[in-house]
Amino acid sequence: MTATSAVFAVLVALWLGAMIPGPSFVLVARNAIGLSRRDGLATAFGMGVGGIFFGGVALAGLYTLLQTVEWLYIGLKVAGGVYLIYVAWKIWRGAGHPITVDATLTASRGSVRKSFWIGLSTQLSNPKTAIWYGSIFAALLPQHPPLWCYFVLPPLVFAIEFGWYTIVALCFSSKGPREVYLRAKKWIDRIAAAAIAALGLRLILNASKAGI
């Protein structure tokens, strides 16, 4: 397989991985519906920046490092699980608070900035994402990729992550899904919180198990 073909295969694999529903999907959709389209896009942008980070460390040999240093892998899983449970608790706590969405208003700068940071921190806190990136890069790229791969892959990874979650944000920020959310905010938020907490708890409980 040529380096160009390998890069294309990596991008396809990452795109398919991004499409698997998880905490990132839930948060982008929730912010797009419950806050604003700009908040959803800011969250998506944070996911894209997180993808650049994972792409960079994967190129630097993250997969090999985590396979060699077991305690680091376990620590990442526990830390990621704790953070996801914290995010779930915040969502659950605010589930009963009504919100008013005015389509004529734009999201505040502080809100958009907060949405970006929660997108970035959620992406970086998920060790499964780190393992996915590392394993894909290790499996598909040559052992010594040509120099151009180090410059081309990170922005392409950003385009994959940001592109997919932008689609999610645009779809879920339309009028129909927003009205459904406002009518059933309490239960939608609690279902989202339960799903995120379950993923976090699963990471913690499986932290010491071998394999990826």
N, C-alpha and C. Protein backbone atom coordinates (compact mmCIF):
# COMPACT_ATOMS: atom_id res chain seq x y z
N MET A 1 0.84 -1.20 0.00
CA MET A 1 0.00 0.00 0.00
C MET A 1 0.88 1.25 0.00
N THR A 2 0.61 2.15 -0.92
CA THR A 2 1.38 3.39 -0.98
C THR A 2 0.99 4.30 0.17
N ALA A 3 1.83 5.31 0.44
CA ALA A 3 1.53 6.24 1.52
C ALA A 3 0.24 6.99 1.26
N THR A 4 0.00 7.36 0.00
CA THR A 4 -1.23 8.07 -0.34
C THR A 4 -2.46 7.21 -0.08
N SER A 5 -2.39 5.94 -0.47
CA SER A 5 -3.50 5.02 -0.22
C SER A 5 -3.70 4.81 1.27
N ALA A 6 -2.61 4.75 2.02
CA ALA A 6 -2.71 4.56 3.46
C ALA A 6 -3.39 5.75 4.12
N VAL A 7 -3.03 6.95 3.69
CA VAL A 7 -3.66 8.15 4.25
C VAL A 7 -5.15 8.16 3.95
N PHE A 8 -5.52 7.79 2.73
CA PHE A 8 -6.95 7.74 2.37
C PHE A 8 -7.67 6.71 3.23
N ALA A 9 -7.07 5.55 3.45
CA ALA A 9 -7.68 4.51 4.28
C ALA A 9 -7.85 4.98 5.72
N VAL A 10 -6.85 5.69 6.23
CA VAL A 10 -6.93 6.24 7.59
C VAL A 10 -8.11 7.20 7.71
N LEU A 11 -8.26 8.08 6.73
CA LEU A 11 -9.34 9.07 6.78
C LEU A 11 -10.71 8.41 6.71
N VAL A 12 -10.86 7.38 5.87
CA VAL A 12 -12.13 6.67 5.79
C VAL A 12 -12.45 6.00 7.12
N ALA A 13 -11.44 5.36 7.73
CA ALA A 13 -11.64 4.68 9.02
C ALA A 13 -12.03 5.68 10.10
N LEU A 14 -11.38 6.85 10.12
CA LEU A 14 -11.69 7.86 11.12
C LEU A 14 -13.09 8.43 10.92
N TRP A 15 -13.48 8.59 9.66
CA TRP A 15 -14.84 9.08 9.38
C TRP A 15 -15.89 8.10 9.89
N LEU A 16 -15.67 6.83 9.63
CA LEU A 16 -16.61 5.81 10.11
C LEU A 16 -16.64 5.78 11.63
N GLY A 17 -15.47 5.93 12.26
CA GLY A 17 -15.41 5.94 13.71
C GLY A 17 -16.14 7.14 14.30
N ALA A 18 -16.01 8.31 13.65
CA ALA A 18 -16.69 9.51 14.14
C ALA A 18 -18.21 9.36 14.08
N MET A 19 -18.69 8.57 13.14
CA MET A 19 -20.13 8.41 12.96
C MET A 19 -20.76 7.50 14.00
N ILE A 20 -19.94 6.76 14.76
CA ILE A 20 -20.48 5.90 15.81
C ILE A 20 -20.97 6.77 16.96
N PRO A 21 -22.26 6.69 17.34
CA PRO A 21 -22.77 7.54 18.42
C PRO A 21 -22.02 7.32 19.73
N GLY A 22 -21.68 8.40 20.39
CA GLY A 22 -20.98 8.36 21.66
C GLY A 22 -21.17 9.68 22.38
N PRO A 23 -20.38 9.95 23.42
CA PRO A 23 -20.55 11.20 24.17
C PRO A 23 -20.36 12.44 23.31
N SER A 24 -19.46 12.39 22.34
CA SER A 24 -19.24 13.55 21.47
C SER A 24 -20.49 13.86 20.67
N PHE A 25 -21.09 12.83 20.09
CA PHE A 25 -22.33 13.01 19.31
C PHE A 25 -23.43 13.59 20.19
N VAL A 26 -23.58 13.03 21.38
CA VAL A 26 -24.65 13.47 22.29
C VAL A 26 -24.48 14.95 22.64
N LEU A 27 -23.25 15.37 22.95
CA LEU A 27 -23.03 16.74 23.37
C LEU A 27 -23.22 17.74 22.23
N VAL A 28 -22.74 17.40 21.04
CA VAL A 28 -22.92 18.29 19.90
C VAL A 28 -24.41 18.45 19.61
N ALA A 29 -25.13 17.34 19.57
CA ALA A 29 -26.57 17.39 19.28
C ALA A 29 -27.31 18.19 20.36
N ARG A 30 -26.98 17.93 21.61
CA ARG A 30 -27.67 18.61 22.71
C ARG A 30 -27.40 20.12 22.68
N ASN A 31 -26.16 20.53 22.48
CA ASN A 31 -25.85 21.96 22.43
C ASN A 31 -26.50 22.64 21.23
N ALA A 32 -26.55 21.93 20.10
CA ALA A 32 -27.18 22.50 18.91
C ALA A 32 -28.67 22.69 19.11
N ILE A 33 -29.31 21.73 19.77
CA ILE A 33 -30.76 21.80 19.99
C ILE A 33 -31.10 22.73 21.15
N GLY A 34 -30.42 22.54 22.27
CA GLY A 34 -30.79 23.22 23.50
C GLY A 34 -30.24 24.62 23.65
N LEU A 35 -29.15 24.94 22.95
CA LEU A 35 -28.56 26.27 23.07
C LEU A 35 -28.73 27.06 21.77
N SER A 36 -27.91 26.75 20.78
CA SER A 36 -28.03 27.45 19.50
C SER A 36 -27.20 26.72 18.46
N ARG A 37 -27.41 27.08 17.20
CA ARG A 37 -26.60 26.50 16.13
C ARG A 37 -25.13 26.86 16.31
N ARG A 38 -24.88 28.10 16.72
CA ARG A 38 -23.49 28.52 16.94
C ARG A 38 -22.82 27.70 18.03
N ASP A 39 -23.57 27.39 19.10
CA ASP A 39 -23.02 26.56 20.17
C ASP A 39 -22.72 25.15 19.65
N GLY A 40 -23.62 24.62 18.83
CA GLY A 40 -23.38 23.30 18.26
C GLY A 40 -22.14 23.30 17.38
N LEU A 41 -21.98 24.34 16.57
CA LEU A 41 -20.80 24.44 15.69
C LEU A 41 -19.53 24.66 16.50
N ALA A 42 -19.63 25.43 17.60
CA ALA A 42 -18.46 25.63 18.46
C ALA A 42 -18.04 24.32 19.12
N THR A 43 -19.02 23.52 19.54
CA THR A 43 -18.73 22.21 20.11
C THR A 43 -18.07 21.32 19.07
N ALA A 44 -18.59 21.36 17.84
CA ALA A 44 -18.00 20.60 16.74
C ALA A 44 -16.57 21.04 16.47
N PHE A 45 -16.33 22.34 16.56
CA PHE A 45 -14.97 22.86 16.35
C PHE A 45 -14.02 22.33 17.41
N GLY A 46 -14.51 22.26 18.66
CA GLY A 46 -13.69 21.68 19.73
C GLY A 46 -13.36 20.22 19.46
N MET A 47 -14.33 19.48 18.92
CA MET A 47 -14.07 18.08 18.55
C MET A 47 -13.00 18.00 17.48
N GLY A 48 -13.05 18.93 16.51
CA GLY A 48 -12.05 18.94 15.45
C GLY A 48 -10.65 19.23 15.96
N VAL A 49 -10.54 20.19 16.87
CA VAL A 49 -9.24 20.51 17.46
C VAL A 49 -8.71 19.32 18.25
N GLY A 50 -9.61 18.64 18.96
CA GLY A 50 -9.20 17.42 19.67
C GLY A 50 -8.70 16.36 18.71
N GLY A 51 -9.31 16.29 17.53
CA GLY A 51 -8.86 15.34 16.51
C GLY A 51 -7.45 15.64 16.04
N ILE A 52 -7.11 16.93 15.92
CA ILE A 52 -5.74 17.31 15.54
C ILE A 52 -4.76 16.79 16.59
N PHE A 53 -5.13 16.95 17.87
CA PHE A 53 -4.24 16.48 18.95
C PHE A 53 -4.03 14.97 18.86
N PHE A 54 -5.13 14.22 18.72
CA PHE A 54 -5.01 12.77 18.67
C PHE A 54 -4.27 12.32 17.42
N GLY A 55 -4.50 13.02 16.30
CA GLY A 55 -3.77 12.68 15.09
C GLY A 55 -2.29 12.88 15.26
N GLY A 56 -1.92 13.97 15.93
CA GLY A 56 -0.50 14.25 16.15
C GLY A 56 0.17 13.23 17.05
N VAL A 57 -0.49 12.90 18.16
CA VAL A 57 0.13 11.95 19.08
C VAL A 57 0.11 10.53 18.50
N ALA A 58 -0.88 10.24 17.66
CA ALA A 58 -0.90 8.93 17.00
C ALA A 58 0.29 8.81 16.05
N LEU A 59 0.57 9.87 15.33
CA LEU A 59 1.74 9.87 14.45
C LEU A 59 3.03 9.71 15.25
N ALA A 60 3.01 10.19 16.49
CA ALA A 60 4.20 10.10 17.33
C ALA A 60 4.33 8.74 18.02
N GLY A 61 3.37 7.85 17.80
CA GLY A 61 3.48 6.50 18.35
C GLY A 61 2.69 6.26 19.62
N LEU A 62 1.52 6.90 19.76
CA LEU A 62 0.71 6.73 20.96
C LEU A 62 0.32 5.28 21.20
N TYR A 63 -0.08 4.59 20.13
CA TYR A 63 -0.55 3.21 20.28
C TYR A 63 0.54 2.34 20.92
N THR A 64 1.75 2.45 20.42
CA THR A 64 2.85 1.66 20.96
C THR A 64 3.10 1.99 22.41
N LEU A 65 3.04 3.29 22.75
CA LEU A 65 3.27 3.72 24.12
C LEU A 65 2.23 3.14 25.07
N LEU A 66 0.95 3.23 24.70
CA LEU A 66 -0.10 2.75 25.58
C LEU A 66 -0.09 1.23 25.72
N GLN A 67 0.34 0.54 24.66
CA GLN A 67 0.45 -0.91 24.74
C GLN A 67 1.62 -1.32 25.64
N THR A 68 2.65 -0.48 25.69
CA THR A 68 3.84 -0.79 26.49
C THR A 68 3.67 -0.39 27.95
N VAL A 69 3.11 0.78 28.19
CA VAL A 69 2.96 1.31 29.55
C VAL A 69 1.51 1.11 29.99
N GLU A 70 1.24 -0.03 30.61
CA GLU A 70 -0.13 -0.41 30.94
C GLU A 70 -0.79 0.56 31.91
N TRP A 71 -0.02 1.05 32.90
CA TRP A 71 -0.61 1.93 33.90
C TRP A 71 -1.08 3.24 33.28
N LEU A 72 -0.40 3.69 32.22
CA LEU A 72 -0.82 4.92 31.57
C LEU A 72 -2.16 4.73 30.88
N TYR A 73 -2.33 3.58 30.25
CA TYR A 73 -3.60 3.27 29.58
C TYR A 73 -4.73 3.19 30.60
N ILE A 74 -4.47 2.51 31.73
CA ILE A 74 -5.49 2.37 32.78
C ILE A 74 -5.83 3.75 33.35
N GLY A 75 -4.80 4.57 33.58
CA GLY A 75 -5.03 5.91 34.11
C GLY A 75 -5.86 6.76 33.17
N LEU A 76 -5.61 6.66 31.89
CA LEU A 76 -6.39 7.41 30.90
C LEU A 76 -7.85 6.99 30.91
N LYS A 77 -8.09 5.69 31.02
CA LYS A 77 -9.46 5.20 31.03
C LYS A 77 -10.21 5.68 32.28
N VAL A 78 -9.56 5.61 33.44
CA VAL A 78 -10.20 6.05 34.67
C VAL A 78 -10.48 7.55 34.64
N ALA A 79 -9.48 8.33 34.23
CA ALA A 79 -9.65 9.79 34.17
C ALA A 79 -10.75 10.17 33.19
N GLY A 80 -10.76 9.51 32.04
CA GLY A 80 -11.80 9.79 31.06
C GLY A 80 -13.18 9.43 31.57
N GLY A 81 -13.28 8.29 32.26
CA GLY A 81 -14.57 7.88 32.82
C GLY A 81 -15.08 8.84 33.87
N VAL A 82 -14.18 9.29 34.75
CA VAL A 82 -14.57 10.25 35.79
C VAL A 82 -15.08 11.55 35.17
N TYR A 83 -14.39 12.01 34.13
CA TYR A 83 -14.81 13.26 33.50
C TYR A 83 -16.18 13.11 32.84
N LEU A 84 -16.41 12.00 32.16
CA LEU A 84 -17.71 11.80 31.52
C LEU A 84 -18.83 11.74 32.55
N ILE A 85 -18.58 11.13 33.69
CA ILE A 85 -19.59 11.09 34.75
C ILE A 85 -19.86 12.50 35.29
N TYR A 86 -18.81 13.31 35.38
CA TYR A 86 -18.97 14.70 35.82
C TYR A 86 -19.84 15.48 34.83
N VAL A 87 -19.56 15.31 33.52
CA VAL A 87 -20.37 15.97 32.50
C VAL A 87 -21.83 15.52 32.61
N ALA A 88 -22.03 14.22 32.80
CA ALA A 88 -23.39 13.68 32.93
C ALA A 88 -24.11 14.27 34.13
N TRP A 89 -23.39 14.42 35.24
CA TRP A 89 -23.99 15.00 36.45
C TRP A 89 -24.42 16.44 36.20
N LYS A 90 -23.60 17.22 35.48
CA LYS A 90 -23.94 18.60 35.18
C LYS A 90 -25.20 18.67 34.31
N ILE A 91 -25.29 17.78 33.33
CA ILE A 91 -26.47 17.77 32.46
C ILE A 91 -27.71 17.37 33.25
N TRP A 92 -27.57 16.33 34.08
CA TRP A 92 -28.71 15.85 34.88
C TRP A 92 -29.20 16.93 35.83
N ARG A 93 -28.27 17.63 36.46
CA ARG A 93 -28.64 18.66 37.43
C ARG A 93 -29.41 19.80 36.78
N GLY A 94 -29.06 20.10 35.52
CA GLY A 94 -29.75 21.19 34.83
C GLY A 94 -30.95 20.75 34.02
N ALA A 95 -31.29 19.46 34.07
CA ALA A 95 -32.37 18.95 33.23
C ALA A 95 -33.72 19.59 33.55
N GLY A 96 -33.95 19.88 34.82
CA GLY A 96 -35.25 20.43 35.22
C GLY A 96 -35.36 21.93 35.07
N HIS A 97 -34.28 22.60 34.64
CA HIS A 97 -34.31 24.05 34.50
C HIS A 97 -34.81 24.42 33.10
N PRO A 98 -35.93 25.10 33.00
CA PRO A 98 -36.44 25.47 31.67
C PRO A 98 -35.54 26.49 31.00
N ILE A 99 -35.50 26.46 29.67
CA ILE A 99 -34.76 27.45 28.92
C ILE A 99 -35.68 28.06 27.87
N THR A 100 -35.39 29.28 27.55
CA THR A 100 -36.16 29.99 26.52
C THR A 100 -35.24 30.23 25.34
N VAL A 101 -35.66 29.77 24.18
CA VAL A 101 -34.86 29.93 22.97
C VAL A 101 -35.53 30.96 22.08
N ASP A 102 -34.84 32.05 21.80
CA ASP A 102 -35.34 33.09 20.93
C ASP A 102 -34.55 33.03 19.64
N ALA A 103 -35.22 32.68 18.54
CA ALA A 103 -34.52 32.51 17.27
C ALA A 103 -33.91 33.79 16.76
N THR A 104 -34.37 34.97 17.30
CA THR A 104 -33.83 36.23 16.82
C THR A 104 -32.54 36.61 17.52
N LEU A 105 -32.17 35.85 18.53
CA LEU A 105 -30.96 36.15 19.29
C LEU A 105 -29.86 35.19 18.91
N THR A 106 -28.63 35.69 18.95
CA THR A 106 -27.47 34.82 18.72
C THR A 106 -26.88 34.45 20.05
N ALA A 107 -26.14 33.35 20.05
CA ALA A 107 -25.52 32.90 21.29
C ALA A 107 -24.47 33.90 21.75
N SER A 108 -24.34 34.04 23.06
CA SER A 108 -23.35 34.97 23.58
C SER A 108 -21.95 34.43 23.33
N ARG A 109 -20.99 35.35 23.32
CA ARG A 109 -19.61 34.94 23.09
C ARG A 109 -19.14 33.97 24.16
N GLY A 110 -19.56 34.25 25.43
CA GLY A 110 -19.15 33.37 26.51
C GLY A 110 -19.72 31.98 26.36
N SER A 111 -20.97 31.90 25.89
CA SER A 111 -21.61 30.60 25.70
C SER A 111 -20.90 29.81 24.61
N VAL A 112 -20.58 30.49 23.51
CA VAL A 112 -19.90 29.81 22.40
C VAL A 112 -18.53 29.34 22.84
N ARG A 113 -17.82 30.17 23.58
CA ARG A 113 -16.49 29.78 24.07
C ARG A 113 -16.60 28.57 24.99
N LYS A 114 -17.60 28.57 25.87
CA LYS A 114 -17.80 27.44 26.77
C LYS A 114 -18.12 26.17 25.99
N SER A 115 -18.94 26.30 24.95
CA SER A 115 -19.27 25.14 24.12
C SER A 115 -18.05 24.57 23.43
N PHE A 116 -17.17 25.46 22.96
CA PHE A 116 -15.92 25.00 22.35
C PHE A 116 -15.10 24.20 23.34
N TRP A 117 -14.94 24.73 24.54
CA TRP A 117 -14.09 24.05 25.52
C TRP A 117 -14.68 22.73 25.99
N ILE A 118 -16.00 22.66 26.11
CA ILE A 118 -16.59 21.38 26.52
C ILE A 118 -16.45 20.36 25.39
N GLY A 119 -16.51 20.81 24.13
CA GLY A 119 -16.28 19.90 23.01
C GLY A 119 -14.85 19.39 23.01
N LEU A 120 -13.90 20.30 23.19
CA LEU A 120 -12.49 19.91 23.20
C LEU A 120 -12.18 18.99 24.37
N SER A 121 -12.63 19.36 25.58
CA SER A 121 -12.30 18.56 26.76
C SER A 121 -12.96 17.19 26.72
N THR A 122 -14.18 17.12 26.18
CA THR A 122 -14.85 15.82 26.06
C THR A 122 -14.10 14.92 25.09
N GLN A 123 -13.67 15.49 23.98
CA GLN A 123 -12.89 14.71 23.00
C GLN A 123 -11.59 14.21 23.60
N LEU A 124 -10.88 15.09 24.31
CA LEU A 124 -9.57 14.72 24.86
C LEU A 124 -9.69 13.77 26.04
N SER A 125 -10.86 13.76 26.71
CA SER A 125 -11.01 12.92 27.90
C SER A 125 -11.39 11.48 27.57
N ASN A 126 -11.66 11.21 26.29
CA ASN A 126 -12.13 9.87 25.92
C ASN A 126 -10.95 9.01 25.46
N PRO A 127 -10.46 8.10 26.30
CA PRO A 127 -9.31 7.28 25.92
C PRO A 127 -9.63 6.34 24.77
N LYS A 128 -10.91 6.00 24.58
CA LYS A 128 -11.27 5.15 23.44
C LYS A 128 -10.94 5.85 22.12
N THR A 129 -11.11 7.18 22.10
CA THR A 129 -10.73 7.93 20.91
C THR A 129 -9.23 7.86 20.68
N ALA A 130 -8.48 8.00 21.77
CA ALA A 130 -7.02 7.92 21.66
C ALA A 130 -6.59 6.55 21.14
N ILE A 131 -7.19 5.51 21.67
CA ILE A 131 -6.85 4.15 21.24
C ILE A 131 -7.26 3.92 19.79
N TRP A 132 -8.43 4.43 19.43
CA TRP A 132 -8.92 4.27 18.05
C TRP A 132 -7.95 4.92 17.07
N TYR A 133 -7.56 6.14 17.37
CA TYR A 133 -6.61 6.84 16.49
C TYR A 133 -5.30 6.07 16.42
N GLY A 134 -4.79 5.71 17.59
CA GLY A 134 -3.49 5.02 17.61
C GLY A 134 -3.51 3.71 16.86
N SER A 135 -4.56 2.93 17.04
CA SER A 135 -4.62 1.63 16.39
C SER A 135 -4.80 1.77 14.88
N ILE A 136 -5.62 2.75 14.44
CA ILE A 136 -5.81 2.97 13.01
C ILE A 136 -4.51 3.41 12.35
N PHE A 137 -3.83 4.35 12.98
CA PHE A 137 -2.57 4.83 12.41
C PHE A 137 -1.54 3.71 12.38
N ALA A 138 -1.48 2.93 13.48
CA ALA A 138 -0.49 1.86 13.53
C ALA A 138 -0.79 0.77 12.51
N ALA A 139 -2.06 0.51 12.27
CA ALA A 139 -2.44 -0.58 11.36
C ALA A 139 -2.31 -0.20 9.89
N LEU A 140 -2.56 1.06 9.56
CA LEU A 140 -2.65 1.44 8.16
C LEU A 140 -1.46 2.22 7.61
N LEU A 141 -0.80 2.98 8.47
CA LEU A 141 0.33 3.76 7.97
C LEU A 141 1.61 2.92 7.93
N PRO A 142 2.53 3.23 7.03
CA PRO A 142 3.83 2.55 7.04
C PRO A 142 4.55 2.80 8.36
N GLN A 143 5.47 1.94 8.71
CA GLN A 143 6.19 2.10 9.97
C GLN A 143 6.92 3.44 10.02
N HIS A 144 7.44 3.87 8.89
CA HIS A 144 8.11 5.16 8.80
C HIS A 144 7.44 5.98 7.69
N PRO A 145 6.35 6.70 8.03
CA PRO A 145 5.62 7.46 7.00
C PRO A 145 6.50 8.54 6.40
N PRO A 146 6.29 8.88 5.12
CA PRO A 146 7.04 9.98 4.53
C PRO A 146 6.75 11.29 5.26
N LEU A 147 7.66 12.23 5.14
CA LEU A 147 7.57 13.48 5.89
C LEU A 147 6.27 14.23 5.63
N TRP A 148 5.76 14.17 4.40
CA TRP A 148 4.57 14.94 4.07
C TRP A 148 3.34 14.49 4.86
N CYS A 149 3.34 13.23 5.30
CA CYS A 149 2.21 12.73 6.10
C CYS A 149 2.05 13.51 7.40
N TYR A 150 3.16 13.92 7.99
CA TYR A 150 3.12 14.63 9.26
C TYR A 150 2.51 16.03 9.11
N PHE A 151 2.54 16.56 7.92
CA PHE A 151 1.97 17.88 7.68
C PHE A 151 0.55 17.80 7.12
N VAL A 152 0.25 16.74 6.39
CA VAL A 152 -1.04 16.62 5.72
C VAL A 152 -2.11 15.99 6.62
N LEU A 153 -1.74 14.98 7.40
CA LEU A 153 -2.74 14.25 8.17
C LEU A 153 -3.46 15.07 9.24
N PRO A 154 -2.75 15.85 10.09
CA PRO A 154 -3.48 16.59 11.14
C PRO A 154 -4.60 17.49 10.62
N PRO A 155 -4.37 18.34 9.59
CA PRO A 155 -5.50 19.15 9.09
C PRO A 155 -6.61 18.32 8.45
N LEU A 156 -6.25 17.20 7.82
CA LEU A 156 -7.27 16.33 7.25
C LEU A 156 -8.10 15.66 8.34
N VAL A 157 -7.44 15.29 9.43
CA VAL A 157 -8.16 14.72 10.58
C VAL A 157 -9.13 15.76 11.15
N PHE A 158 -8.67 17.01 11.25
CA PHE A 158 -9.55 18.09 11.71
C PHE A 158 -10.77 18.20 10.80
N ALA A 159 -10.55 18.14 9.50
CA ALA A 159 -11.65 18.26 8.54
C ALA A 159 -12.66 17.13 8.72
N ILE A 160 -12.17 15.92 9.01
CA ILE A 160 -13.06 14.77 9.22
C ILE A 160 -13.92 14.98 10.46
N GLU A 161 -13.27 15.29 11.60
CA GLU A 161 -13.99 15.44 12.86
C GLU A 161 -14.94 16.65 12.82
N PHE A 162 -14.41 17.79 12.43
CA PHE A 162 -15.23 19.00 12.40
C PHE A 162 -16.34 18.89 11.35
N GLY A 163 -16.01 18.28 10.22
CA GLY A 163 -17.01 18.12 9.16
C GLY A 163 -18.19 17.29 9.60
N TRP A 164 -17.91 16.13 10.23
CA TRP A 164 -19.01 15.26 10.66
C TRP A 164 -19.86 15.94 11.73
N TYR A 165 -19.21 16.51 12.75
CA TYR A 165 -19.98 17.09 13.83
C TYR A 165 -20.66 18.40 13.42
N THR A 166 -20.16 19.05 12.37
CA THR A 166 -20.88 20.19 11.80
C THR A 166 -22.20 19.73 11.19
N ILE A 167 -22.16 18.60 10.49
CA ILE A 167 -23.39 18.03 9.94
C ILE A 167 -24.39 17.73 11.07
N VAL A 168 -23.88 17.14 12.16
CA VAL A 168 -24.74 16.84 13.31
C VAL A 168 -25.35 18.13 13.87
N ALA A 169 -24.51 19.16 14.05
CA ALA A 169 -24.99 20.42 14.62
C ALA A 169 -26.03 21.07 13.73
N LEU A 170 -25.80 21.07 12.43
CA LEU A 170 -26.75 21.70 11.51
C LEU A 170 -28.08 20.95 11.48
N CYS A 171 -28.00 19.63 11.51
CA CYS A 171 -29.24 18.83 11.49
C CYS A 171 -30.07 19.04 12.74
N PHE A 172 -29.40 19.05 13.90
CA PHE A 172 -30.13 19.11 15.16
C PHE A 172 -30.49 20.53 15.59
N SER A 173 -29.98 21.55 14.88
CA SER A 173 -30.32 22.91 15.25
C SER A 173 -31.47 23.47 14.42
N SER A 174 -32.06 22.64 13.57
CA SER A 174 -33.21 23.09 12.78
C SER A 174 -34.44 23.20 13.67
N LYS A 175 -35.48 23.84 13.17
CA LYS A 175 -36.64 24.20 13.99
C LYS A 175 -37.35 22.98 14.58
N GLY A 176 -37.53 21.93 13.79
CA GLY A 176 -38.26 20.76 14.28
C GLY A 176 -37.63 20.11 15.49
N PRO A 177 -36.35 19.68 15.38
CA PRO A 177 -35.70 19.07 16.55
C PRO A 177 -35.63 20.00 17.75
N ARG A 178 -35.46 21.32 17.51
CA ARG A 178 -35.40 22.27 18.63
C ARG A 178 -36.72 22.31 19.39
N GLU A 179 -37.85 22.32 18.66
CA GLU A 179 -39.15 22.38 19.33
C GLU A 179 -39.43 21.10 20.11
N VAL A 180 -39.01 19.96 19.55
CA VAL A 180 -39.17 18.70 20.27
C VAL A 180 -38.37 18.73 21.56
N TYR A 181 -37.14 19.25 21.46
CA TYR A 181 -36.28 19.32 22.65
C TYR A 181 -36.90 20.21 23.73
N LEU A 182 -37.40 21.38 23.35
CA LEU A 182 -37.96 22.30 24.33
C LEU A 182 -39.17 21.70 25.04
N ARG A 183 -39.94 20.89 24.33
CA ARG A 183 -41.12 20.27 24.94
C ARG A 183 -40.74 19.13 25.89
N ALA A 184 -39.64 18.47 25.59
CA ALA A 184 -39.27 17.29 26.39
C ALA A 184 -37.86 17.43 26.97
N LYS A 185 -37.45 18.66 27.27
CA LYS A 185 -36.07 18.92 27.70
C LYS A 185 -35.65 18.07 28.90
N LYS A 186 -36.52 18.00 29.90
CA LYS A 186 -36.17 17.30 31.13
C LYS A 186 -35.77 15.85 30.86
N TRP A 187 -36.59 15.15 30.07
CA TRP A 187 -36.34 13.73 29.85
C TRP A 187 -35.23 13.50 28.82
N ILE A 188 -35.14 14.36 27.83
CA ILE A 188 -34.06 14.23 26.84
C ILE A 188 -32.71 14.44 27.53
N ASP A 189 -32.62 15.48 28.38
CA ASP A 189 -31.37 15.74 29.09
C ASP A 189 -31.00 14.58 30.01
N ARG A 190 -32.00 14.02 30.67
CA ARG A 190 -31.71 12.92 31.60
C ARG A 190 -31.30 11.65 30.85
N ILE A 191 -31.92 11.41 29.70
CA ILE A 191 -31.50 10.26 28.89
C ILE A 191 -30.07 10.46 28.39
N ALA A 192 -29.76 11.69 27.92
CA ALA A 192 -28.40 11.99 27.47
C ALA A 192 -27.41 11.83 28.62
N ALA A 193 -27.77 12.34 29.80
CA ALA A 193 -26.89 12.23 30.97
C ALA A 193 -26.66 10.76 31.35
N ALA A 194 -27.72 9.97 31.32
CA ALA A 194 -27.60 8.55 31.66
C ALA A 194 -26.69 7.83 30.67
N ALA A 195 -26.82 8.17 29.37
CA ALA A 195 -25.98 7.52 28.36
C ALA A 195 -24.52 7.88 28.55
N ILE A 196 -24.24 9.15 28.82
CA ILE A 196 -22.85 9.58 29.02
C ILE A 196 -22.29 8.97 30.31
N ALA A 197 -23.10 8.95 31.38
CA ALA A 197 -22.64 8.35 32.64
C ALA A 197 -22.35 6.87 32.47
N ALA A 198 -23.19 6.18 31.70
CA ALA A 198 -22.98 4.75 31.47
C ALA A 198 -21.66 4.50 30.73
N LEU A 199 -21.36 5.35 29.75
CA LEU A 199 -20.09 5.22 29.04
C LEU A 199 -18.91 5.47 29.99
N GLY A 200 -19.05 6.49 30.84
CA GLY A 200 -17.98 6.78 31.80
C GLY A 200 -17.78 5.66 32.79
N LEU A 201 -18.89 5.12 33.32
CA LEU A 201 -18.81 4.02 34.28
C LEU A 201 -18.19 2.77 33.63
N ARG A 202 -18.55 2.54 32.38
CA ARG A 202 -17.99 1.39 31.66
C ARG A 202 -16.48 1.51 31.50
N LEU A 203 -16.01 2.73 31.22
CA LEU A 203 -14.57 2.95 31.11
C LEU A 203 -13.86 2.63 32.42
N ILE A 204 -14.45 3.10 33.54
CA ILE A 204 -13.82 2.87 34.83
C ILE A 204 -13.83 1.39 35.20
N LEU A 205 -14.95 0.72 35.03
CA LEU A 205 -15.07 -0.68 35.40
C LEU A 205 -14.18 -1.59 34.56
N ASN A 206 -13.96 -1.21 33.31
CA ASN A 206 -13.14 -2.02 32.41
C ASN A 206 -11.70 -1.53 32.32
N ALA A 207 -11.32 -0.62 33.20
CA ALA A 207 -10.00 0.02 33.08
C ALA A 207 -8.86 -0.99 33.15
N SER A 208 -9.01 -1.99 34.00
CA SER A 208 -7.90 -2.92 34.21
C SER A 208 -7.92 -4.11 33.24
N LYS A 209 -8.94 -4.16 32.37
CA LYS A 209 -9.03 -5.28 31.43
C LYS A 209 -8.09 -5.07 30.27
N ALA A 210 -7.53 -6.11 29.80
CA ALA A 210 -6.60 -6.04 28.69
C ALA A 210 -7.34 -5.79 27.39
N GLY A 211 -6.60 -5.32 26.42
CA GLY A 211 -7.15 -5.12 25.09
C GLY A 211 -7.65 -3.71 24.91
N ILE A 212 -8.05 -3.38 23.65
CA ILE A 212 -8.50 -2.04 23.35
C ILE A 212 -9.95 -2.08 22.93
